[in-house]
């Protein structure tokens, strides 16, 4: 299964209340559950020096991802 995870990274810009603004970035994560997707993204974010938080995790309605590894016949040069 694939999940769309939205992560908010704090920026140097401040809002009207003096709180840091968030830059929202979306990642597609392959995982078996929401809990696993949360763990994968947490490990990914651990390598970044910026302050961040997971804002949303949504199951993606994707049947298949087409790439050279799982469908090589479409990518062969003739």
PDB file of N, CA and C in Angstrom:
ATOM      1  N   UNK A   1       0.843  -1.179   0.000  1.00  0.00           N
ATOM      2  CA  UNK A   1       0.000   0.000   0.000  1.00  0.00           C
ATOM      3  C   UNK A   1       0.885   1.238   0.000  1.00  0.00           C
ATOM      4  N   UNK A   2       0.317   2.304  -0.483  1.00  0.00           N
ATOM      5  CA  UNK A   2       1.034   3.571  -0.524  1.00  0.00           C
ATOM      6  C   UNK A   2       0.239   4.625   0.233  1.00  0.00           C
ATOM      7  N   UNK A   3       0.973   5.471   0.920  1.00  0.00           N
ATOM      8  CA  UNK A   3       0.362   6.528   1.715  1.00  0.00           C
ATOM      9  C   UNK A   3       0.951   7.867   1.306  1.00  0.00           C
ATOM     10  N   UNK A   4       0.126   8.894   1.299  1.00  0.00           N
ATOM     11  CA  UNK A   4       0.575  10.259   1.063  1.00  0.00           C
ATOM     12  C   UNK A   4       0.758  10.902   2.423  1.00  0.00           C
ATOM     13  N   UNK A   5       2.001  11.260   2.735  1.00  0.00           N
ATOM     14  CA  UNK A   5       2.324  11.838   4.037  1.00  0.00           C
ATOM     15  C   UNK A   5       2.685  13.300   3.835  1.00  0.00           C
ATOM     16  N   UNK A   6       2.010  14.182   4.551  1.00  0.00           N
ATOM     17  CA  UNK A   6       2.306  15.600   4.511  1.00  0.00           C
ATOM     18  C   UNK A   6       3.126  15.953   5.745  1.00  0.00           C
ATOM     19  N   UNK A   7       4.304  16.539   5.498  1.00  0.00           N
ATOM     20  CA  UNK A   7       5.205  16.935   6.578  1.00  0.00           C
ATOM     21  C   UNK A   7       5.342  18.450   6.548  1.00  0.00           C
ATOM     22  N   UNK A   8       5.281  19.065   7.712  1.00  0.00           N
ATOM     23  CA  UNK A   8       5.464  20.509   7.834  1.00  0.00           C
ATOM     24  C   UNK A   8       6.847  20.817   8.377  1.00  0.00           C
ATOM     25  N   UNK A   9       7.655  21.548   7.604  1.00  0.00           N
ATOM     26  CA  UNK A   9       8.985  21.975   8.033  1.00  0.00           C
ATOM     27  C   UNK A   9       8.915  23.436   8.437  1.00  0.00           C
ATOM     28  N   UNK A  10       9.456  23.765   9.607  1.00  0.00           N
ATOM     29  CA  UNK A  10       9.460  25.157  10.061  1.00  0.00           C
ATOM     30  C   UNK A  10      10.412  25.971   9.197  1.00  0.00           C
ATOM     31  N   UNK A  11       9.987  27.203   8.864  1.00  0.00           N
ATOM     32  CA  UNK A  11      10.833  28.124   8.107  1.00  0.00           C
ATOM     33  C   UNK A  11      11.245  29.272   9.020  1.00  0.00           C
ATOM     34  N   UNK A  12      12.107  30.133   8.511  1.00  0.00           N
ATOM     35  CA  UNK A  12      12.552  31.281   9.302  1.00  0.00           C
ATOM     36  C   UNK A  12      11.505  32.390   9.334  1.00  0.00           C
ATOM     37  N   UNK A  13      10.533  32.357   8.425  1.00  0.00           N
ATOM     38  CA  UNK A  13       9.481  33.378   8.384  1.00  0.00           C
ATOM     39  C   UNK A  13       8.495  33.157   9.520  1.00  0.00           C
ATOM     40  N   UNK A  14       7.994  34.245  10.053  1.00  0.00           N
ATOM     41  CA  UNK A  14       7.043  34.176  11.157  1.00  0.00           C
ATOM     42  C   UNK A  14       5.671  34.648  10.707  1.00  0.00           C
ATOM     43  N   UNK A  15       4.626  34.095  11.320  1.00  0.00           N
ATOM     44  CA  UNK A  15       3.276  34.560  11.033  1.00  0.00           C
ATOM     45  C   UNK A  15       2.953  35.751  11.927  1.00  0.00           C
ATOM     46  N   UNK A  16       1.715  36.225  11.901  1.00  0.00           N
ATOM     47  CA  UNK A  16       1.314  37.413  12.678  1.00  0.00           C
ATOM     48  C   UNK A  16       1.497  37.224  14.176  1.00  0.00           C
ATOM     49  N   UNK A  17       1.362  35.990  14.635  1.00  0.00           N
ATOM     50  CA  UNK A  17       1.475  35.715  16.062  1.00  0.00           C
ATOM     51  C   UNK A  17       2.906  35.432  16.496  1.00  0.00           C
ATOM     52  N   UNK A  18       3.854  35.485  15.581  1.00  0.00           N
ATOM     53  CA  UNK A  18       5.245  35.240  15.923  1.00  0.00           C
ATOM     54  C   UNK A  18       5.655  33.775  15.865  1.00  0.00           C
ATOM     55  N   UNK A  19       4.773  32.913  15.375  1.00  0.00           N
ATOM     56  CA  UNK A  19       5.096  31.497  15.239  1.00  0.00           C
ATOM     57  C   UNK A  19       5.746  31.242  13.882  1.00  0.00           C
ATOM     58  N   UNK A  20       6.685  30.293  13.803  1.00  0.00           N
ATOM     59  CA  UNK A  20       7.311  29.994  12.512  1.00  0.00           C
ATOM     60  C   UNK A  20       6.281  29.446  11.521  1.00  0.00           C
ATOM     61  N   UNK A  21       6.382  29.877  10.263  1.00  0.00           N
ATOM     62  CA  UNK A  21       5.519  29.345   9.210  1.00  0.00           C
ATOM     63  C   UNK A  21       6.011  27.957   8.821  1.00  0.00           C
ATOM     64  N   UNK A  22       5.084  27.132   8.356  1.00  0.00           N
ATOM     65  CA  UNK A  22       5.427  25.781   7.937  1.00  0.00           C
ATOM     66  C   UNK A  22       5.457  25.684   6.417  1.00  0.00           C
ATOM     67  N   UNK A  23       6.479  25.003   5.913  1.00  0.00           N
ATOM     68  CA  UNK A  23       6.535  24.655   4.500  1.00  0.00           C
ATOM     69  C   UNK A  23       6.039  23.224   4.416  1.00  0.00           C
ATOM     70  N   UNK A  24       4.931  23.019   3.724  1.00  0.00           N
ATOM     71  CA  UNK A  24       4.333  21.687   3.633  1.00  0.00           C
ATOM     72  C   UNK A  24       4.907  20.936   2.436  1.00  0.00           C
ATOM     73  N   UNK A  25       5.412  19.721   2.715  1.00  0.00           N
ATOM     74  CA  UNK A  25       5.995  18.865   1.689  1.00  0.00           C
ATOM     75  C   UNK A  25       5.261  17.533   1.735  1.00  0.00           C
ATOM     76  N   UNK A  26       4.944  16.979   0.556  1.00  0.00           N
ATOM     77  CA  UNK A  26       4.215  15.706   0.492  1.00  0.00           C
ATOM     78  C   UNK A  26       5.136  14.610  -0.014  1.00  0.00           C
ATOM     79  N   UNK A  27       5.069  13.452   0.661  1.00  0.00           N
ATOM     80  CA  UNK A  27       5.867  12.292   0.299  1.00  0.00           C
ATOM     81  C   UNK A  27       4.946  11.097   0.081  1.00  0.00           C
ATOM     82  N   UNK A  28       5.285  10.256  -0.886  1.00  0.00           N
ATOM     83  CA  UNK A  28       4.587   8.990  -1.055  1.00  0.00           C
ATOM     84  C   UNK A  28       5.436   7.942  -0.360  1.00  0.00           C
ATOM     85  N   UNK A  29       4.813   7.190   0.538  1.00  0.00           N
ATOM     86  CA  UNK A  29       5.514   6.190   1.342  1.00  0.00           C
ATOM     87  C   UNK A  29       4.882   4.831   1.100  1.00  0.00           C
ATOM     88  N   UNK A  30       5.717   3.824   0.846  1.00  0.00           N
ATOM     89  CA  UNK A  30       5.231   2.463   0.718  1.00  0.00           C
ATOM     90  C   UNK A  30       5.306   1.814   2.089  1.00  0.00           C
ATOM     91  N   UNK A  31       4.159   1.363   2.594  1.00  0.00           N
ATOM     92  CA  UNK A  31       4.084   0.753   3.924  1.00  0.00           C
ATOM     93  C   UNK A  31       2.850  -0.137   3.991  1.00  0.00           C
ATOM     94  N   UNK A  32       2.813  -0.984   5.003  1.00  0.00           N
ATOM     95  CA  UNK A  32       1.686  -1.902   5.188  1.00  0.00           C
ATOM     96  C   UNK A  32       0.572  -1.310   6.048  1.00  0.00           C
ATOM     97  N   UNK A  33       0.878  -0.247   6.791  1.00  0.00           N
ATOM     98  CA  UNK A  33      -0.124   0.357   7.672  1.00  0.00           C
ATOM     99  C   UNK A  33       0.243   1.816   7.923  1.00  0.00           C
ATOM    100  N   UNK A  34      -0.689   2.547   8.515  1.00  0.00           N
ATOM    101  CA  UNK A  34      -0.436   3.943   8.873  1.00  0.00           C
ATOM    102  C   UNK A  34       0.698   4.011   9.891  1.00  0.00           C
ATOM    103  N   UNK A  35       0.726   3.057  10.809  1.00  0.00           N
ATOM    104  CA  UNK A  35       1.771   3.043  11.833  1.00  0.00           C
ATOM    105  C   UNK A  35       3.147   2.865  11.201  1.00  0.00           C
ATOM    106  N   UNK A  36       3.251   1.965  10.226  1.00  0.00           N
ATOM    107  CA  UNK A  36       4.529   1.753   9.557  1.00  0.00           C
ATOM    108  C   UNK A  36       4.932   2.983   8.749  1.00  0.00           C
ATOM    109  N   UNK A  37       3.971   3.613   8.086  1.00  0.00           N
ATOM    110  CA  UNK A  37       4.257   4.840   7.332  1.00  0.00           C
ATOM    111  C   UNK A  37       4.763   5.932   8.273  1.00  0.00           C
ATOM    112  N   UNK A  38       4.178   6.024   9.456  1.00  0.00           N
ATOM    113  CA  UNK A  38       4.618   7.002  10.450  1.00  0.00           C
ATOM    114  C   UNK A  38       6.058   6.741  10.858  1.00  0.00           C
ATOM    115  N   UNK A  39       6.401   5.476  11.084  1.00  0.00           N
ATOM    116  CA  UNK A  39       7.770   5.124  11.467  1.00  0.00           C
ATOM    117  C   UNK A  39       8.766   5.425  10.353  1.00  0.00           C
ATOM    118  N   UNK A  40       8.402   5.107   9.117  1.00  0.00           N
ATOM    119  CA  UNK A  40       9.288   5.355   7.978  1.00  0.00           C
ATOM    120  C   UNK A  40       9.564   6.851   7.839  1.00  0.00           C
ATOM    121  N   UNK A  41       8.523   7.659   7.929  1.00  0.00           N
ATOM    122  CA  UNK A  41       8.694   9.110   7.787  1.00  0.00           C
ATOM    123  C   UNK A  41       9.470   9.684   8.973  1.00  0.00           C
ATOM    124  N   UNK A  42       9.247   9.159  10.159  1.00  0.00           N
ATOM    125  CA  UNK A  42       9.988   9.627  11.335  1.00  0.00           C
ATOM    126  C   UNK A  42      11.478   9.375  11.177  1.00  0.00           C
ATOM    127  N   UNK A  43      11.838   8.190  10.677  1.00  0.00           N
ATOM    128  CA  UNK A  43      13.252   7.883  10.438  1.00  0.00           C
ATOM    129  C   UNK A  43      13.825   8.785   9.356  1.00  0.00           C
ATOM    130  N   UNK A  44      13.026   9.060   8.324  1.00  0.00           N
ATOM    131  CA  UNK A  44      13.462   9.952   7.242  1.00  0.00           C
ATOM    132  C   UNK A  44      13.707  11.359   7.771  1.00  0.00           C
ATOM    133  N   UNK A  45      12.790  11.847   8.591  1.00  0.00           N
ATOM    134  CA  UNK A  45      12.916  13.202   9.146  1.00  0.00           C
ATOM    135  C   UNK A  45      14.045  13.316  10.152  1.00  0.00           C
ATOM    136  N   UNK A  46      14.444  12.217  10.774  1.00  0.00           N
ATOM    137  CA  UNK A  46      15.501  12.251  11.793  1.00  0.00           C
ATOM    138  C   UNK A  46      16.826  12.727  11.207  1.00  0.00           C
ATOM    139  N   UNK A  47      17.047  12.513   9.924  1.00  0.00           N
ATOM    140  CA  UNK A  47      18.285  12.952   9.284  1.00  0.00           C
ATOM    141  C   UNK A  47      18.297  14.414   8.892  1.00  0.00           C
ATOM    142  N   UNK A  48      17.220  15.123   9.096  1.00  0.00           N
ATOM    143  CA  UNK A  48      17.100  16.538   8.716  1.00  0.00           C
ATOM    144  C   UNK A  48      17.267  17.412   9.949  1.00  0.00           C
ATOM    145  N   UNK A  49      18.018  18.482   9.808  1.00  0.00           N
ATOM    146  CA  UNK A  49      18.275  19.379  10.940  1.00  0.00           C
ATOM    147  C   UNK A  49      17.096  20.314  11.226  1.00  0.00           C
ATOM    148  N   UNK A  50      16.208  20.487  10.258  1.00  0.00           N
ATOM    149  CA  UNK A  50      15.069  21.391  10.454  1.00  0.00           C
ATOM    150  C   UNK A  50      14.042  20.766  11.387  1.00  0.00           C
ATOM    151  N   UNK A  51      13.340  21.608  12.096  1.00  0.00           N
ATOM    152  CA  UNK A  51      12.242  21.139  12.935  1.00  0.00           C
ATOM    153  C   UNK A  51      11.061  20.803  12.029  1.00  0.00           C
ATOM    154  N   UNK A  52      10.417  19.653  12.299  1.00  0.00           N
ATOM    155  CA  UNK A  52       9.321  19.236  11.435  1.00  0.00           C
ATOM    156  C   UNK A  52       8.326  18.397  12.221  1.00  0.00           C
ATOM    157  N   UNK A  53       7.160  18.210  11.591  1.00  0.00           N
ATOM    158  CA  UNK A  53       6.134  17.348  12.170  1.00  0.00           C
ATOM    159  C   UNK A  53       5.284  16.761  11.051  1.00  0.00           C
ATOM    160  N   UNK A  54       4.789  15.548  11.269  1.00  0.00           N
ATOM    161  CA  UNK A  54       3.869  14.936  10.317  1.00  0.00           C
ATOM    162  C   UNK A  54       2.500  15.572  10.519  1.00  0.00           C
ATOM    163  N   UNK A  55       1.929  16.098   9.439  1.00  0.00           N
ATOM    164  CA  UNK A  55       0.641  16.781   9.520  1.00  0.00           C
ATOM    165  C   UNK A  55      -0.530  15.877   9.136  1.00  0.00           C
ATOM    166  N   UNK A  56      -0.307  14.984   8.158  1.00  0.00           N
ATOM    167  CA  UNK A  56      -1.396  14.118   7.695  1.00  0.00           C
ATOM    168  C   UNK A  56      -0.825  12.881   7.020  1.00  0.00           C
ATOM    169  N   UNK A  57      -1.552  11.771   7.160  1.00  0.00           N
ATOM    170  CA  UNK A  57      -1.221  10.533   6.453  1.00  0.00           C
ATOM    171  C   UNK A  57      -2.517  10.000   5.863  1.00  0.00           C
ATOM    172  N   UNK A  58      -2.528   9.832   4.531  1.00  0.00           N
ATOM    173  CA  UNK A  58      -3.728   9.403   3.816  1.00  0.00           C
ATOM    174  C   UNK A  58      -3.369   8.224   2.922  1.00  0.00           C
ATOM    175  N   UNK A  59      -4.214   7.190   2.921  1.00  0.00           N
ATOM    176  CA  UNK A  59      -4.004   6.043   2.040  1.00  0.00           C
ATOM    177  C   UNK A  59      -4.242   6.479   0.602  1.00  0.00           C
ATOM    178  N   UNK A  60      -3.297   6.142  -0.269  1.00  0.00           N
ATOM    179  CA  UNK A  60      -3.401   6.526  -1.674  1.00  0.00           C
ATOM    180  C   UNK A  60      -4.169   5.456  -2.447  1.00  0.00           C
ATOM    181  N   UNK A  61      -5.121   5.852  -3.276  1.00  0.00           N
ATOM    182  CA  UNK A  61      -5.867   4.875  -4.076  1.00  0.00           C
ATOM    183  C   UNK A  61      -5.091   4.508  -5.341  1.00  0.00           C
ATOM    184  N   UNK A  62      -3.903   3.883  -5.157  1.00  0.00           N
ATOM    185  CA  UNK A  62      -3.045   3.513  -6.278  1.00  0.00           C
ATOM    186  C   UNK A  62      -3.048   1.996  -6.412  1.00  0.00           C
ATOM    187  N   UNK A  63      -3.294   1.515  -7.608  1.00  0.00           N
ATOM    188  CA  UNK A  63      -3.282   0.074  -7.841  1.00  0.00           C
ATOM    189  C   UNK A  63      -1.870  -0.434  -8.087  1.00  0.00           C
ATOM    190  N   UNK A  64      -1.081   0.318  -8.852  1.00  0.00           N
ATOM    191  CA  UNK A  64       0.258  -0.134  -9.210  1.00  0.00           C
ATOM    192  C   UNK A  64       1.118   1.073  -9.560  1.00  0.00           C
ATOM    193  N   UNK A  65       2.394   0.984  -9.235  1.00  0.00           N
ATOM    194  CA  UNK A  65       3.349   2.004  -9.653  1.00  0.00           C
ATOM    195  C   UNK A  65       4.176   1.397 -10.769  1.00  0.00           C
ATOM    196  N   UNK A  66       4.195   2.043 -11.920  1.00  0.00           N
ATOM    197  CA  UNK A  66       4.906   1.523 -13.081  1.00  0.00           C
ATOM    198  C   UNK A  66       6.302   2.129 -13.095  1.00  0.00           C
ATOM    199  N   UNK A  67       7.297   1.253 -13.066  1.00  0.00           N
ATOM    200  CA  UNK A  67       8.682   1.695 -13.152  1.00  0.00           C
ATOM    201  C   UNK A  67       9.510   0.615 -13.851  1.00  0.00           C
ATOM    202  N   UNK A  68      10.765   0.879 -14.181  1.00  0.00           N
ATOM    203  CA  UNK A  68      11.574  -0.100 -14.917  1.00  0.00           C
ATOM    204  C   UNK A  68      11.771  -1.429 -14.176  1.00  0.00           C
ATOM    205  N   UNK A  69      11.723  -1.435 -12.842  1.00  0.00           N
ATOM    206  CA  UNK A  69      11.947  -2.669 -12.101  1.00  0.00           C
ATOM    207  C   UNK A  69      10.773  -3.646 -12.194  1.00  0.00           C
ATOM    208  N   UNK A  70       9.546  -3.156 -12.189  1.00  0.00           N
ATOM    209  CA  UNK A  70       8.426  -4.106 -12.191  1.00  0.00           C
ATOM    210  C   UNK A  70       7.768  -4.279 -13.551  1.00  0.00           C
ATOM    211  N   UNK A  71       8.090  -3.465 -14.537  1.00  0.00           N
ATOM    212  CA  UNK A  71       7.531  -3.636 -15.883  1.00  0.00           C
ATOM    213  C   UNK A  71       8.596  -3.326 -16.936  1.00  0.00           C
ATOM    214  N   UNK A  72       9.654  -4.120 -17.025  1.00  0.00           N
ATOM    215  CA  UNK A  72      10.754  -3.798 -17.941  1.00  0.00           C
ATOM    216  C   UNK A  72      10.383  -3.848 -19.416  1.00  0.00           C
ATOM    217  N   UNK A  73       9.355  -4.598 -19.798  1.00  0.00           N
ATOM    218  CA  UNK A  73       9.008  -4.695 -21.223  1.00  0.00           C
ATOM    219  C   UNK A  73       8.585  -3.350 -21.816  1.00  0.00           C
ATOM    220  N   UNK A  74       8.096  -2.440 -20.995  1.00  0.00           N
ATOM    221  CA  UNK A  74       7.703  -1.123 -21.489  1.00  0.00           C
ATOM    222  C   UNK A  74       8.875  -0.185 -21.699  1.00  0.00           C
ATOM    223  N   UNK A  75      10.022  -0.516 -21.100  1.00  0.00           N
ATOM    224  CA  UNK A  75      11.156   0.390 -21.123  1.00  0.00           C
ATOM    225  C   UNK A  75      12.318  -0.109 -21.992  1.00  0.00           C
ATOM    226  N   UNK A  76      12.153  -1.218 -22.691  1.00  0.00           N
ATOM    227  CA  UNK A  76      13.213  -1.753 -23.532  1.00  0.00           C
ATOM    228  C   UNK A  76      13.411  -0.851 -24.762  1.00  0.00           C
ATOM    229  N   UNK A  77      14.670  -0.639 -25.109  1.00  0.00           N
ATOM    230  CA  UNK A  77      14.977   0.098 -26.332  1.00  0.00           C
ATOM    231  C   UNK A  77      14.908  -0.872 -27.500  1.00  0.00           C
ATOM    232  N   UNK A  78      14.259  -0.465 -28.568  1.00  0.00           N
ATOM    233  CA  UNK A  78      14.108  -1.364 -29.725  1.00  0.00           C
ATOM    234  C   UNK A  78      15.024  -0.961 -30.837  1.00  0.00           C
TER     235      UNK A  78
END
